[in-house]
PDB file of N, CA and C in Angstrom:
ATOM      1  N   UNK A   1       0.837  -1.182   0.000  1.00  0.00           N
ATOM      2  CA  UNK A   1       0.000   0.000   0.000  1.00  0.00           C
ATOM      3  C   UNK A   1       0.881   1.244   0.000  1.00  0.00           C
ATOM      4  N   UNK A   2       0.365   2.293  -0.559  1.00  0.00           N
ATOM      5  CA  UNK A   2       1.077   3.559  -0.571  1.00  0.00           C
ATOM      6  C   UNK A   2       0.551   4.409   0.581  1.00  0.00           C
ATOM      7  N   UNK A   3       1.401   4.799   1.517  1.00  0.00           N
ATOM      8  CA  UNK A   3       0.920   5.591   2.642  1.00  0.00           C
ATOM      9  C   UNK A   3       0.631   7.034   2.238  1.00  0.00           C
ATOM     10  N   UNK A   4      -0.285   7.642   2.986  1.00  0.00           N
ATOM     11  CA  UNK A   4      -0.526   9.075   2.846  1.00  0.00           C
ATOM     12  C   UNK A   4       0.371   9.758   3.853  1.00  0.00           C
ATOM     13  N   UNK A   5       1.169  10.704   3.399  1.00  0.00           N
ATOM     14  CA  UNK A   5       2.110  11.386   4.270  1.00  0.00           C
ATOM     15  C   UNK A   5       1.946  12.886   4.094  1.00  0.00           C
ATOM     16  N   UNK A   6       1.878  13.592   5.212  1.00  0.00           N
ATOM     17  CA  UNK A   6       1.859  15.044   5.203  1.00  0.00           C
ATOM     18  C   UNK A   6       3.112  15.524   5.936  1.00  0.00           C
ATOM     19  N   UNK A   7       3.643  16.651   5.504  1.00  0.00           N
ATOM     20  CA  UNK A   7       4.860  17.167   6.132  1.00  0.00           C
ATOM     21  C   UNK A   7       4.881  18.683   6.014  1.00  0.00           C
ATOM     22  N   UNK A   8       5.642  19.286   6.892  1.00  0.00           N
ATOM     23  CA  UNK A   8       5.885  20.726   6.836  1.00  0.00           C
ATOM     24  C   UNK A   8       7.330  20.944   7.269  1.00  0.00           C
ATOM     25  N   UNK A   9       7.959  21.947   6.695  1.00  0.00           N
ATOM     26  CA  UNK A   9       9.342  22.225   7.086  1.00  0.00           C
ATOM     27  C   UNK A   9       9.554  23.721   7.226  1.00  0.00           C
ATOM     28  N   UNK A  10      10.505  24.014   8.087  1.00  0.00           N
ATOM     29  CA  UNK A  10      10.976  25.380   8.247  1.00  0.00           C
ATOM     30  C   UNK A  10      12.406  25.392   7.716  1.00  0.00           C
ATOM     31  N   UNK A  11      13.099  26.479   7.886  1.00  0.00           N
ATOM     32  CA  UNK A  11      14.498  26.509   7.476  1.00  0.00           C
ATOM     33  C   UNK A  11      15.334  25.508   8.272  1.00  0.00           C
ATOM     34  N   UNK A  12      14.875  25.192   9.492  1.00  0.00           N
ATOM     35  CA  UNK A  12      15.660  24.315  10.357  1.00  0.00           C
ATOM     36  C   UNK A  12      15.057  22.923  10.564  1.00  0.00           C
ATOM     37  N   UNK A  13      13.740  22.833  10.671  1.00  0.00           N
ATOM     38  CA  UNK A  13      13.109  21.563  11.045  1.00  0.00           C
ATOM     39  C   UNK A  13      12.189  21.019   9.958  1.00  0.00           C
ATOM     40  N   UNK A  14      12.040  19.694   9.961  1.00  0.00           N
ATOM     41  CA  UNK A  14      11.055  19.031   9.115  1.00  0.00           C
ATOM     42  C   UNK A  14      10.220  18.113  10.010  1.00  0.00           C
ATOM     43  N   UNK A  15       8.894  18.298   9.936  1.00  0.00           N
ATOM     44  CA  UNK A  15       7.953  17.461  10.673  1.00  0.00           C
ATOM     45  C   UNK A  15       7.175  16.643   9.640  1.00  0.00           C
ATOM     46  N   UNK A  16       7.087  15.326   9.862  1.00  0.00           N
ATOM     47  CA  UNK A  16       6.426  14.422   8.939  1.00  0.00           C
ATOM     48  C   UNK A  16       5.382  13.634   9.713  1.00  0.00           C
ATOM     49  N   UNK A  17       4.164  13.595   9.166  1.00  0.00           N
ATOM     50  CA  UNK A  17       3.081  12.865   9.822  1.00  0.00           C
ATOM     51  C   UNK A  17       2.448  11.878   8.842  1.00  0.00           C
ATOM     52  N   UNK A  18       2.789  10.593   8.959  1.00  0.00           N
ATOM     53  CA  UNK A  18       2.132   9.586   8.126  1.00  0.00           C
ATOM     54  C   UNK A  18       0.724   9.334   8.650  1.00  0.00           C
ATOM     55  N   UNK A  19      -0.147   8.929   7.766  1.00  0.00           N
ATOM     56  CA  UNK A  19      -1.528   8.650   8.130  1.00  0.00           C
ATOM     57  C   UNK A  19      -1.739   7.153   8.068  1.00  0.00           C
ATOM     58  N   UNK A  20      -1.662   6.480   9.216  1.00  0.00           N
ATOM     59  CA  UNK A  20      -1.861   5.044   9.239  1.00  0.00           C
ATOM     60  C   UNK A  20      -1.523   4.450  10.589  1.00  0.00           C
ATOM     61  N   UNK A  21      -1.948   3.221  10.782  1.00  0.00           N
ATOM     62  CA  UNK A  21      -1.768   2.537  12.063  1.00  0.00           C
ATOM     63  C   UNK A  21      -0.307   2.223  12.364  1.00  0.00           C
ATOM     64  N   UNK A  22       0.454   1.831  11.368  1.00  0.00           N
ATOM     65  CA  UNK A  22       1.813   1.362  11.572  1.00  0.00           C
ATOM     66  C   UNK A  22       2.827   2.487  11.655  1.00  0.00           C
ATOM     67  N   UNK A  23       2.404   3.677  11.386  1.00  0.00           N
ATOM     68  CA  UNK A  23       3.338   4.755  11.121  1.00  0.00           C
ATOM     69  C   UNK A  23       3.739   5.542  12.369  1.00  0.00           C
ATOM     70  N   UNK A  24       4.912   6.152  12.302  1.00  0.00           N
ATOM     71  CA  UNK A  24       5.461   6.947  13.392  1.00  0.00           C
ATOM     72  C   UNK A  24       5.756   8.341  12.860  1.00  0.00           C
ATOM     73  N   UNK A  25       5.356   9.356  13.615  1.00  0.00           N
ATOM     74  CA  UNK A  25       5.683  10.728  13.225  1.00  0.00           C
ATOM     75  C   UNK A  25       7.195  10.919  13.279  1.00  0.00           C
ATOM     76  N   UNK A  26       7.665  11.927  12.542  1.00  0.00           N
ATOM     77  CA  UNK A  26       9.097  12.184  12.499  1.00  0.00           C
ATOM     78  C   UNK A  26       9.360  13.681  12.644  1.00  0.00           C
ATOM     79  N   UNK A  27      10.467  14.005  13.271  1.00  0.00           N
ATOM     80  CA  UNK A  27      10.941  15.385  13.394  1.00  0.00           C
ATOM     81  C   UNK A  27      12.453  15.362  13.242  1.00  0.00           C
ATOM     82  N   UNK A  28      12.944  16.187  12.346  1.00  0.00           N
ATOM     83  CA  UNK A  28      14.391  16.246  12.104  1.00  0.00           C
ATOM     84  C   UNK A  28      14.886  17.681  12.197  1.00  0.00           C
ATOM     85  N   UNK A  29      16.052  17.841  12.802  1.00  0.00           N
ATOM     86  CA  UNK A  29      16.759  19.119  12.824  1.00  0.00           C
ATOM     87  C   UNK A  29      17.677  19.116  11.606  1.00  0.00           C
ATOM     88  N   UNK A  30      17.301  19.853  10.582  1.00  0.00           N
ATOM     89  CA  UNK A  30      18.035  19.827   9.317  1.00  0.00           C
ATOM     90  C   UNK A  30      19.404  20.489   9.409  1.00  0.00           C
ATOM     91  N   UNK A  31      19.617  21.325  10.422  1.00  0.00           N
ATOM     92  CA  UNK A  31      20.938  21.932  10.606  1.00  0.00           C
ATOM     93  C   UNK A  31      21.948  20.909  11.126  1.00  0.00           C
ATOM     94  N   UNK A  32      21.565  20.179  12.161  1.00  0.00           N
ATOM     95  CA  UNK A  32      22.502  19.226  12.756  1.00  0.00           C
ATOM     96  C   UNK A  32      22.397  17.826  12.152  1.00  0.00           C
ATOM     97  N   UNK A  33      21.332  17.570  11.400  1.00  0.00           N
ATOM     98  CA  UNK A  33      21.090  16.235  10.850  1.00  0.00           C
ATOM     99  C   UNK A  33      20.499  16.361   9.434  1.00  0.00           C
ATOM    100  N   UNK A  34      21.283  16.866   8.476  1.00  0.00           N
ATOM    101  CA  UNK A  34      20.751  17.117   7.135  1.00  0.00           C
ATOM    102  C   UNK A  34      20.321  15.858   6.377  1.00  0.00           C
ATOM    103  N   UNK A  35      20.794  14.686   6.801  1.00  0.00           N
ATOM    104  CA  UNK A  35      20.415  13.435   6.140  1.00  0.00           C
ATOM    105  C   UNK A  35      19.225  12.756   6.821  1.00  0.00           C
ATOM    106  N   UNK A  36      18.651  13.425   7.828  1.00  0.00           N
ATOM    107  CA  UNK A  36      17.451  12.955   8.533  1.00  0.00           C
ATOM    108  C   UNK A  36      17.630  11.533   9.079  1.00  0.00           C
ATOM    109  N   UNK A  37      18.644  11.375   9.904  1.00  0.00           N
ATOM    110  CA  UNK A  37      18.964  10.075  10.490  1.00  0.00           C
ATOM    111  C   UNK A  37      18.349   9.931  11.885  1.00  0.00           C
ATOM    112  N   UNK A  38      18.387  11.012  12.683  1.00  0.00           N
ATOM    113  CA  UNK A  38      17.948  10.962  14.081  1.00  0.00           C
ATOM    114  C   UNK A  38      16.554  11.576  14.207  1.00  0.00           C
ATOM    115  N   UNK A  39      15.555  10.727  14.476  1.00  0.00           N
ATOM    116  CA  UNK A  39      14.181  11.188  14.649  1.00  0.00           C
ATOM    117  C   UNK A  39      14.021  11.736  16.067  1.00  0.00           C
ATOM    118  N   UNK A  40      13.692  13.011  16.173  1.00  0.00           N
ATOM    119  CA  UNK A  40      13.584  13.694  17.463  1.00  0.00           C
ATOM    120  C   UNK A  40      12.163  13.698  18.023  1.00  0.00           C
ATOM    121  N   UNK A  41      11.238  12.993  17.396  1.00  0.00           N
ATOM    122  CA  UNK A  41       9.826  13.090  17.754  1.00  0.00           C
ATOM    123  C   UNK A  41       9.546  12.731  19.213  1.00  0.00           C
ATOM    124  N   UNK A  42      10.320  11.855  19.811  1.00  0.00           N
ATOM    125  CA  UNK A  42      10.064  11.437  21.185  1.00  0.00           C
ATOM    126  C   UNK A  42      10.782  12.253  22.246  1.00  0.00           C
ATOM    127  N   UNK A  43      11.575  13.227  21.841  1.00  0.00           N
ATOM    128  CA  UNK A  43      12.344  14.014  22.806  1.00  0.00           C
ATOM    129  C   UNK A  43      11.442  15.048  23.491  1.00  0.00           C
ATOM    130  N   UNK A  44      11.390  15.016  24.834  1.00  0.00           N
ATOM    131  CA  UNK A  44      10.507  15.932  25.563  1.00  0.00           C
ATOM    132  C   UNK A  44      10.732  17.409  25.236  1.00  0.00           C
ATOM    133  N   UNK A  45      11.982  17.816  25.034  1.00  0.00           N
ATOM    134  CA  UNK A  45      12.262  19.229  24.782  1.00  0.00           C
ATOM    135  C   UNK A  45      11.729  19.707  23.426  1.00  0.00           C
ATOM    136  N   UNK A  46      11.391  18.784  22.537  1.00  0.00           N
ATOM    137  CA  UNK A  46      10.889  19.159  21.219  1.00  0.00           C
ATOM    138  C   UNK A  46       9.359  19.137  21.121  1.00  0.00           C
ATOM    139  N   UNK A  47       8.680  18.742  22.191  1.00  0.00           N
ATOM    140  CA  UNK A  47       7.219  18.628  22.115  1.00  0.00           C
ATOM    141  C   UNK A  47       6.507  19.955  21.802  1.00  0.00           C
ATOM    142  N   UNK A  48       6.929  21.092  22.356  1.00  0.00           N
ATOM    143  CA  UNK A  48       6.284  22.347  21.955  1.00  0.00           C
ATOM    144  C   UNK A  48       6.453  22.641  20.457  1.00  0.00           C
ATOM    145  N   UNK A  49       7.616  22.330  19.915  1.00  0.00           N
ATOM    146  CA  UNK A  49       7.863  22.524  18.485  1.00  0.00           C
ATOM    147  C   UNK A  49       6.986  21.590  17.660  1.00  0.00           C
ATOM    148  N   UNK A  50       6.871  20.325  18.070  1.00  0.00           N
ATOM    149  CA  UNK A  50       6.015  19.372  17.366  1.00  0.00           C
ATOM    150  C   UNK A  50       4.580  19.883  17.346  1.00  0.00           C
ATOM    151  N   UNK A  51       4.103  20.347  18.481  1.00  0.00           N
ATOM    152  CA  UNK A  51       2.732  20.870  18.568  1.00  0.00           C
ATOM    153  C   UNK A  51       2.539  22.059  17.626  1.00  0.00           C
ATOM    154  N   UNK A  52       3.498  22.954  17.590  1.00  0.00           N
ATOM    155  CA  UNK A  52       3.425  24.135  16.722  1.00  0.00           C
ATOM    156  C   UNK A  52       3.457  23.750  15.243  1.00  0.00           C
ATOM    157  N   UNK A  53       4.383  22.877  14.860  1.00  0.00           N
ATOM    158  CA  UNK A  53       4.484  22.470  13.454  1.00  0.00           C
ATOM    159  C   UNK A  53       3.258  21.681  13.015  1.00  0.00           C
ATOM    160  N   UNK A  54       2.739  20.830  13.901  1.00  0.00           N
ATOM    161  CA  UNK A  54       1.535  20.066  13.573  1.00  0.00           C
ATOM    162  C   UNK A  54       0.359  21.016  13.344  1.00  0.00           C
ATOM    163  N   UNK A  55       0.215  22.027  14.205  1.00  0.00           N
ATOM    164  CA  UNK A  55      -0.864  23.010  14.043  1.00  0.00           C
ATOM    165  C   UNK A  55      -0.711  23.767  12.727  1.00  0.00           C
ATOM    166  N   UNK A  56       0.507  24.165  12.393  1.00  0.00           N
ATOM    167  CA  UNK A  56       0.755  24.864  11.120  1.00  0.00           C
ATOM    168  C   UNK A  56       0.417  23.968   9.933  1.00  0.00           C
ATOM    169  N   UNK A  57       0.820  22.708  10.002  1.00  0.00           N
ATOM    170  CA  UNK A  57       0.564  21.772   8.915  1.00  0.00           C
ATOM    171  C   UNK A  57      -0.936  21.585   8.696  1.00  0.00           C
ATOM    172  N   UNK A  58      -1.685  21.393   9.793  1.00  0.00           N
ATOM    173  CA  UNK A  58      -3.130  21.216   9.654  1.00  0.00           C
ATOM    174  C   UNK A  58      -3.803  22.490   9.157  1.00  0.00           C
ATOM    175  N   UNK A  59      -3.278  23.651   9.513  1.00  0.00           N
ATOM    176  CA  UNK A  59      -3.852  24.892   8.996  1.00  0.00           C
ATOM    177  C   UNK A  59      -3.643  24.993   7.489  1.00  0.00           C
ATOM    178  N   UNK A  60      -2.456  24.630   7.022  1.00  0.00           N
ATOM    179  CA  UNK A  60      -2.196  24.620   5.574  1.00  0.00           C
ATOM    180  C   UNK A  60      -3.140  23.639   4.885  1.00  0.00           C
ATOM    181  N   UNK A  61      -3.320  22.446   5.458  1.00  0.00           N
ATOM    182  CA  UNK A  61      -4.220  21.458   4.865  1.00  0.00           C
ATOM    183  C   UNK A  61      -5.651  21.997   4.804  1.00  0.00           C
ATOM    184  N   UNK A  62      -6.104  22.644   5.876  1.00  0.00           N
ATOM    185  CA  UNK A  62      -7.453  23.221   5.887  1.00  0.00           C
ATOM    186  C   UNK A  62      -7.578  24.323   4.843  1.00  0.00           C
ATOM    187  N   UNK A  63      -6.579  25.176   4.762  1.00  0.00           N
ATOM    188  CA  UNK A  63      -6.618  26.309   3.831  1.00  0.00           C
ATOM    189  C   UNK A  63      -6.572  25.883   2.370  1.00  0.00           C
ATOM    190  N   UNK A  64      -6.028  24.709   2.097  1.00  0.00           N
ATOM    191  CA  UNK A  64      -5.836  24.280   0.709  1.00  0.00           C
ATOM    192  C   UNK A  64      -6.731  23.101   0.312  1.00  0.00           C
ATOM    193  N   UNK A  65      -7.680  22.742   1.165  1.00  0.00           N
ATOM    194  CA  UNK A  65      -8.578  21.632   0.839  1.00  0.00           C
ATOM    195  C   UNK A  65      -7.940  20.274   1.008  1.00  0.00           C
ATOM    196  N   UNK A  66      -6.877  20.191   1.774  1.00  0.00           N
ATOM    197  CA  UNK A  66      -6.157  18.939   1.935  1.00  0.00           C
ATOM    198  C   UNK A  66      -6.654  18.034   3.037  1.00  0.00           C
ATOM    199  N   UNK A  67      -7.771  18.358   3.652  1.00  0.00           N
ATOM    200  CA  UNK A  67      -8.281  17.519   4.741  1.00  0.00           C
ATOM    201  C   UNK A  67      -9.125  16.352   4.242  1.00  0.00           C
ATOM    202  N   UNK A  68      -9.324  16.237   2.954  1.00  0.00           N
ATOM    203  CA  UNK A  68     -10.108  15.157   2.390  1.00  0.00           C
ATOM    204  C   UNK A  68      -9.188  14.209   1.638  1.00  0.00           C
ATOM    205  N   UNK A  69      -9.213  12.968   2.037  1.00  0.00           N
ATOM    206  CA  UNK A  69      -8.447  11.954   1.329  1.00  0.00           C
ATOM    207  C   UNK A  69      -9.410  11.297   0.347  1.00  0.00           C
ATOM    208  N   UNK A  70      -9.162  11.406  -0.944  1.00  0.00           N
ATOM    209  CA  UNK A  70     -10.116  10.853  -1.913  1.00  0.00           C
ATOM    210  C   UNK A  70     -10.132   9.326  -1.905  1.00  0.00           C
ATOM    211  N   UNK A  71     -11.312   8.785  -2.044  1.00  0.00           N
ATOM    212  CA  UNK A  71     -11.488   7.346  -2.168  1.00  0.00           C
ATOM    213  C   UNK A  71     -12.041   7.057  -3.550  1.00  0.00           C
ATOM    214  N   UNK A  72     -11.570   6.006  -4.172  1.00  0.00           N
ATOM    215  CA  UNK A  72     -12.009   5.643  -5.506  1.00  0.00           C
ATOM    216  C   UNK A  72     -12.700   4.284  -5.449  1.00  0.00           C
ATOM    217  N   UNK A  73     -13.668   4.110  -6.329  1.00  0.00           N
ATOM    218  CA  UNK A  73     -14.347   2.820  -6.390  1.00  0.00           C
ATOM    219  C   UNK A  73     -13.365   1.730  -6.779  1.00  0.00           C
ATOM    220  N   UNK A  74     -13.622   0.520  -6.265  1.00  0.00           N
ATOM    221  CA  UNK A  74     -12.796  -0.631  -6.637  1.00  0.00           C
ATOM    222  C   UNK A  74     -12.920  -0.877  -8.132  1.00  0.00           C
ATOM    223  N   UNK A  75     -11.817  -1.131  -8.770  1.00  0.00           N
ATOM    224  CA  UNK A  75     -11.820  -1.465 -10.192  1.00  0.00           C
ATOM    225  C   UNK A  75     -11.895  -2.969 -10.393  1.00  0.00           C
ATOM    226  N   UNK A  76     -11.639  -3.728  -9.337  1.00  0.00           N
ATOM    227  CA  UNK A  76     -11.591  -5.176  -9.438  1.00  0.00           C
ATOM    228  C   UNK A  76     -12.241  -5.751  -8.189  1.00  0.00           C
ATOM    229  N   UNK A  77     -13.135  -6.676  -8.356  1.00  0.00           N
ATOM    230  CA  UNK A  77     -13.849  -7.261  -7.221  1.00  0.00           C
ATOM    231  C   UNK A  77     -12.905  -7.959  -6.248  1.00  0.00           C
ATOM    232  N   UNK A  78     -11.724  -8.375  -6.694  1.00  0.00           N
ATOM    233  CA  UNK A  78     -10.781  -9.090  -5.843  1.00  0.00           C
ATOM    234  C   UNK A  78      -9.805  -8.158  -5.135  1.00  0.00           C
ATOM    235  N   UNK A  79      -9.942  -6.874  -5.324  1.00  0.00           N
ATOM    236  CA  UNK A  79      -8.961  -5.909  -4.839  1.00  0.00           C
ATOM    237  C   UNK A  79      -8.691  -5.991  -3.330  1.00  0.00           C
ATOM    238  N   UNK A  80      -9.719  -6.240  -2.539  1.00  0.00           N
ATOM    239  CA  UNK A  80      -9.572  -6.193  -1.082  1.00  0.00           C
ATOM    240  C   UNK A  80      -9.691  -7.563  -0.435  1.00  0.00           C
ATOM    241  N   UNK A  81      -9.412  -8.608  -1.174  1.00  0.00           N
ATOM    242  CA  UNK A  81      -9.595  -9.955  -0.630  1.00  0.00           C
ATOM    243  C   UNK A  81      -8.278 -10.723  -0.628  1.00  0.00           C
ATOM    244  N   UNK A  82      -8.185 -11.636   0.319  1.00  0.00           N
ATOM    245  CA  UNK A  82      -7.052 -12.550   0.377  1.00  0.00           C
ATOM    246  C   UNK A  82      -7.507 -13.915  -0.105  1.00  0.00           C
ATOM    247  N   UNK A  83      -6.621 -14.609  -0.748  1.00  0.00           N
ATOM    248  CA  UNK A  83      -6.918 -15.982  -1.131  1.00  0.00           C
ATOM    249  C   UNK A  83      -6.743 -16.870   0.094  1.00  0.00           C
ATOM    250  N   UNK A  84      -7.662 -17.800   0.291  1.00  0.00           N
ATOM    251  CA  UNK A  84      -7.550 -18.728   1.423  1.00  0.00           C
ATOM    252  C   UNK A  84      -6.228 -19.484   1.349  1.00  0.00           C
ATOM    253  N   UNK A  85      -5.797 -19.797   0.136  1.00  0.00           N
ATOM    254  CA  UNK A  85      -4.553 -20.540  -0.027  1.00  0.00           C
ATOM    255  C   UNK A  85      -3.318 -19.631  -0.041  1.00  0.00           C
ATOM    256  N   UNK A  86      -3.534 -18.328   0.131  1.00  0.00           N
ATOM    257  CA  UNK A  86      -2.427 -17.379   0.077  1.00  0.00           C
ATOM    258  C   UNK A  86      -1.658 -17.286   1.384  1.00  0.00           C
ATOM    259  N   UNK A  87      -0.721 -16.356   1.418  1.00  0.00           N
ATOM    260  CA  UNK A  87       0.104 -16.152   2.616  1.00  0.00           C
ATOM    261  C   UNK A  87      -0.752 -15.651   3.772  1.00  0.00           C
ATOM    262  N   UNK A  88      -0.449 -16.078   5.000  1.00  0.00           N
ATOM    263  CA  UNK A  88      -1.203 -15.585   6.158  1.00  0.00           C
ATOM    264  C   UNK A  88      -0.832 -14.134   6.464  1.00  0.00           C
ATOM    265  N   UNK A  89      -1.708 -13.477   7.218  1.00  0.00           N
ATOM    266  CA  UNK A  89      -1.409 -12.112   7.644  1.00  0.00           C
ATOM    267  C   UNK A  89      -0.208 -12.122   8.570  1.00  0.00           C
ATOM    268  N   UNK A  90       0.581 -11.075   8.512  1.00  0.00           N
ATOM    269  CA  UNK A  90       1.712 -10.931   9.416  1.00  0.00           C
ATOM    270  C   UNK A  90       1.242 -10.526  10.799  1.00  0.00           C
ATOM    271  N   UNK A  91       2.064 -10.780  11.802  1.00  0.00           N
ATOM    272  CA  UNK A  91       1.727 -10.357  13.162  1.00  0.00           C
ATOM    273  C   UNK A  91       2.157  -8.913  13.357  1.00  0.00           C
ATOM    274  N   UNK A  92       1.488  -8.226  14.242  1.00  0.00           N
ATOM    275  CA  UNK A  92       1.841  -6.848  14.556  1.00  0.00           C
ATOM    276  C   UNK A  92       3.136  -6.879  15.364  1.00  0.00           C
ATOM    277  N   UNK A  93       4.140  -6.067  14.995  1.00  0.00           N
ATOM    278  CA  UNK A  93       5.417  -6.096  15.730  1.00  0.00           C
ATOM    279  C   UNK A  93       5.230  -5.772  17.210  1.00  0.00           C
ATOM    280  N   UNK A  94       5.626  -6.670  18.114  1.00  0.00           N
ATOM    281  CA  UNK A  94       5.417  -6.466  19.548  1.00  0.00           C
ATOM    282  C   UNK A  94       6.006  -5.171  20.078  1.00  0.00           C
ATOM    283  N   UNK A  95       7.138  -4.713  19.536  1.00  0.00           N
ATOM    284  CA  UNK A  95       7.779  -3.508  20.070  1.00  0.00           C
ATOM    285  C   UNK A  95       6.972  -2.244  19.744  1.00  0.00           C
ATOM    286  N   UNK A  96       5.956  -2.353  18.894  1.00  0.00           N
ATOM    287  CA  UNK A  96       5.123  -1.195  18.567  1.00  0.00           C
ATOM    288  C   UNK A  96       3.813  -1.164  19.358  1.00  0.00           C
ATOM    289  N   UNK A  97       3.538  -2.215  20.143  1.00  0.00           N
ATOM    290  CA  UNK A  97       2.327  -2.264  20.931  1.00  0.00           C
ATOM    291  C   UNK A  97       2.476  -1.435  22.209  1.00  0.00           C
ATOM    292  N   UNK A  98       1.415  -0.751  22.565  1.00  0.00           N
ATOM    293  CA  UNK A  98       1.412   0.010  23.817  1.00  0.00           C
ATOM    294  C   UNK A  98       0.536  -0.706  24.818  1.00  0.00           C
ATOM    295  N   UNK A  99       0.896  -0.619  26.082  1.00  0.00           N
ATOM    296  CA  UNK A  99       0.096  -1.263  27.135  1.00  0.00           C
ATOM    297  C   UNK A  99      -0.935  -0.300  27.661  1.00  0.00           C
TER     298      UNK A  99
END
């Protein structure tokens, strides 16, 4: 599947918000980490910045009509089905589960 991803950046930071169950938000300091290796999203000192960038991103989406994700009719009746003889579903990675 192709994920839906929204992002916003400033001269220094990039905030990325994937839309999906498996996905993790990302925050990068482009000055100290131009290759976006260290995700700062979980750092307590960056939470006010995350909140601000997320609010800015959603405002841009609202202002530009980006709050609607288009859905298209199925082109094939088998599009959303698994074959009984096919591969089983994968398990959810335990390290991503919250208690």
